[in-house]
Amino acid sequence: MRMGGVVLFPFLMAAQTPPNSPILRGVVLECDQRPTGELAIRAADNSVLRYQFDRKTYVERDERMIEPERLAPGEKVEIVSDGARGSVLRYARTIHVIQATPPPKPRRAGLPQPYNPRTDTVRTGSLTYA
């Protein structure tokens, strides 16, 4: 039984992504709203990592280039990064949005809305027909 643990240990360590890996997937927690700044993401192992970005960082959503400050919290991203000299933060070279948050559908005024059993209430009266 002890031999099995010794054999599996290297495979378990290889399966985990180190925090300073050049490619990492996660969910955006916060992003500075300026052309240069920092970005925080939560990785699959619930660790929070911070990255630097600037105007040279390539950010893509739906196969279109966007500005880094347009990233929204909750979006799933994949980041390709480099270690920055003299800083504990990594420099984000490429940020690719894997799953964008869908924009809210605009509600058109004046049109009847479909029945929603979770939010709509049905009122019953005491009037009966014979």
Protein backbone atom coordinates (compact mmCIF):
# COMPACT_ATOMS: atom_id res chain seq x y z
CA MET A 1 0.00 0.00 0.00
CA ARG A 2 2.86 2.39 0.76
CA MET A 3 4.42 1.67 -2.61
CA GLY A 4 1.25 2.87 -4.40
CA GLY A 5 1.46 6.25 -2.70
CA VAL A 6 5.12 6.62 -3.64
CA VAL A 7 4.32 5.78 -7.26
CA LEU A 8 1.33 8.16 -7.49
CA PHE A 9 2.94 11.14 -5.74
CA PRO A 10 4.93 12.39 -8.78
CA PHE A 11 1.83 12.18 -10.98
CA LEU A 12 -0.25 14.16 -8.48
CA MET A 13 2.41 16.87 -8.32
CA ALA A 14 2.61 17.06 -12.13
CA ALA A 15 -1.17 17.48 -12.42
CA GLN A 16 -1.18 20.67 -10.35
CA THR A 17 -0.43 23.93 -12.14
CA PRO A 18 2.24 25.95 -10.36
CA PRO A 19 1.34 29.59 -9.62
CA ASN A 20 4.21 30.88 -11.77
CA SER A 21 3.18 28.84 -14.80
CA PRO A 22 3.31 30.82 -18.07
CA ILE A 23 -0.23 29.71 -19.03
CA LEU A 24 -3.04 29.82 -16.49
CA ARG A 25 -6.85 29.72 -16.59
CA GLY A 26 -9.07 31.40 -14.05
CA VAL A 27 -11.94 33.76 -13.33
CA VAL A 28 -11.49 37.54 -13.28
CA LEU A 29 -12.00 38.98 -9.80
CA GLU A 30 -11.07 42.58 -10.48
CA CYS A 31 -9.39 44.66 -13.15
CA ASP A 32 -8.13 48.25 -13.08
CA GLN A 33 -10.18 50.58 -15.26
CA ARG A 34 -7.22 52.27 -16.96
CA PRO A 35 -4.97 51.39 -19.91
CA THR A 36 -2.20 50.16 -17.58
CA GLY A 37 -2.76 48.45 -14.27
CA GLU A 38 -3.30 45.17 -12.49
CA LEU A 39 -5.64 42.23 -12.89
CA ALA A 40 -6.61 39.66 -10.24
CA ILE A 41 -7.85 36.19 -11.13
CA ARG A 42 -8.91 33.14 -9.14
CA ALA A 43 -7.33 29.92 -10.42
CA ALA A 44 -8.93 26.46 -10.31
CA ASP A 45 -7.22 25.68 -6.98
CA ASN A 46 -8.83 28.85 -5.45
CA SER A 47 -5.53 30.73 -5.33
CA VAL A 48 -5.69 34.42 -6.23
CA LEU A 49 -3.02 35.65 -8.64
CA ARG A 50 -2.27 39.21 -9.77
CA TYR A 51 -0.92 40.26 -13.15
CA GLN A 52 0.29 43.53 -14.65
CA PHE A 53 -0.99 44.71 -18.01
CA ASP A 54 -0.35 47.67 -20.29
CA ARG A 55 -1.21 48.91 -23.79
CA LYS A 56 0.92 46.15 -25.35
CA THR A 57 -1.10 43.35 -23.70
CA TYR A 58 -3.25 41.58 -26.27
CA VAL A 59 -6.77 40.98 -24.95
CA GLU A 60 -9.29 39.03 -27.02
CA ARG A 61 -13.02 38.42 -26.54
CA ASP A 62 -15.21 36.74 -29.18
CA GLU A 63 -12.29 36.76 -31.65
CA ARG A 64 -12.00 40.56 -31.40
CA MET A 65 -9.32 42.63 -29.72
CA ILE A 66 -10.52 44.72 -26.75
CA GLU A 67 -8.87 47.01 -24.21
CA PRO A 68 -7.72 45.30 -20.97
CA GLU A 69 -9.85 47.60 -18.82
CA ARG A 70 -13.02 46.20 -20.47
CA LEU A 71 -12.60 42.84 -18.72
CA ALA A 72 -15.51 42.22 -16.38
CA PRO A 73 -15.50 40.32 -13.08
CA GLY A 74 -16.76 36.76 -13.53
CA GLU A 75 -15.34 36.20 -17.02
CA LYS A 76 -13.28 33.05 -17.51
CA VAL A 77 -9.88 33.88 -19.00
CA GLU A 78 -6.67 32.21 -20.09
CA ILE A 79 -3.51 34.26 -19.47
CA VAL A 80 -0.10 33.83 -21.07
CA SER A 81 2.43 35.64 -18.89
CA ASP A 82 6.10 36.32 -18.23
CA GLY A 83 7.94 36.97 -15.02
CA ALA A 84 8.51 40.72 -14.58
CA ARG A 85 11.99 41.77 -13.44
CA GLY A 86 12.11 43.16 -9.94
CA SER A 87 8.42 42.47 -9.27
CA VAL A 88 6.44 39.69 -7.66
CA LEU A 89 3.65 40.30 -10.20
CA ARG A 90 3.74 38.56 -13.56
CA TYR A 91 3.33 40.50 -16.81
CA ALA A 92 0.28 39.41 -18.84
CA ARG A 93 1.24 39.17 -22.52
CA THR A 94 -2.02 37.68 -23.81
CA ILE A 95 -5.45 37.46 -22.18
CA HIS A 96 -8.07 35.38 -23.95
CA VAL A 97 -11.65 35.45 -22.67
CA ILE A 98 -12.88 31.85 -22.77
CA GLN A 99 -16.47 32.44 -21.71
CA ALA A 100 -17.79 35.96 -21.84
CA THR A 101 -20.64 37.02 -19.62
CA PRO A 102 -23.68 37.47 -21.87
CA PRO A 103 -24.95 41.05 -22.03
CA PRO A 104 -28.33 41.56 -20.37
CA LYS A 105 -31.24 41.45 -22.79
CA PRO A 106 -32.95 44.81 -23.06
CA ARG A 107 -36.57 44.82 -21.98
CA ARG A 108 -38.88 46.42 -24.47
CA ALA A 109 -41.47 48.66 -22.91
CA GLY A 110 -45.10 48.21 -23.83
CA LEU A 111 -44.93 44.51 -24.70
CA PRO A 112 -46.42 41.85 -22.43
CA GLN A 113 -43.83 39.76 -20.68
CA PRO A 114 -44.06 35.94 -20.53
CA TYR A 115 -45.34 34.35 -17.34
CA ASN A 116 -42.57 33.60 -14.82
CA PRO A 117 -43.73 31.25 -12.04
CA ARG A 118 -40.86 32.30 -9.76
CA THR A 119 -41.65 36.00 -9.72
CA ASP A 120 -45.26 36.30 -10.85
CA THR A 121 -48.13 35.64 -8.50
CA VAL A 122 -51.50 34.31 -9.54
CA ARG A 123 -54.38 36.09 -7.87
CA THR A 124 -57.52 34.18 -7.40
CA GLY A 125 -60.79 35.83 -6.52
CA SER A 126 -64.08 34.72 -5.02
CA LEU A 127 -66.12 35.23 -8.18
CA THR A 128 -67.57 32.02 -9.64
CA TYR A 129 -69.70 31.42 -12.73
CA ALA A 130 -72.67 29.11 -12.85
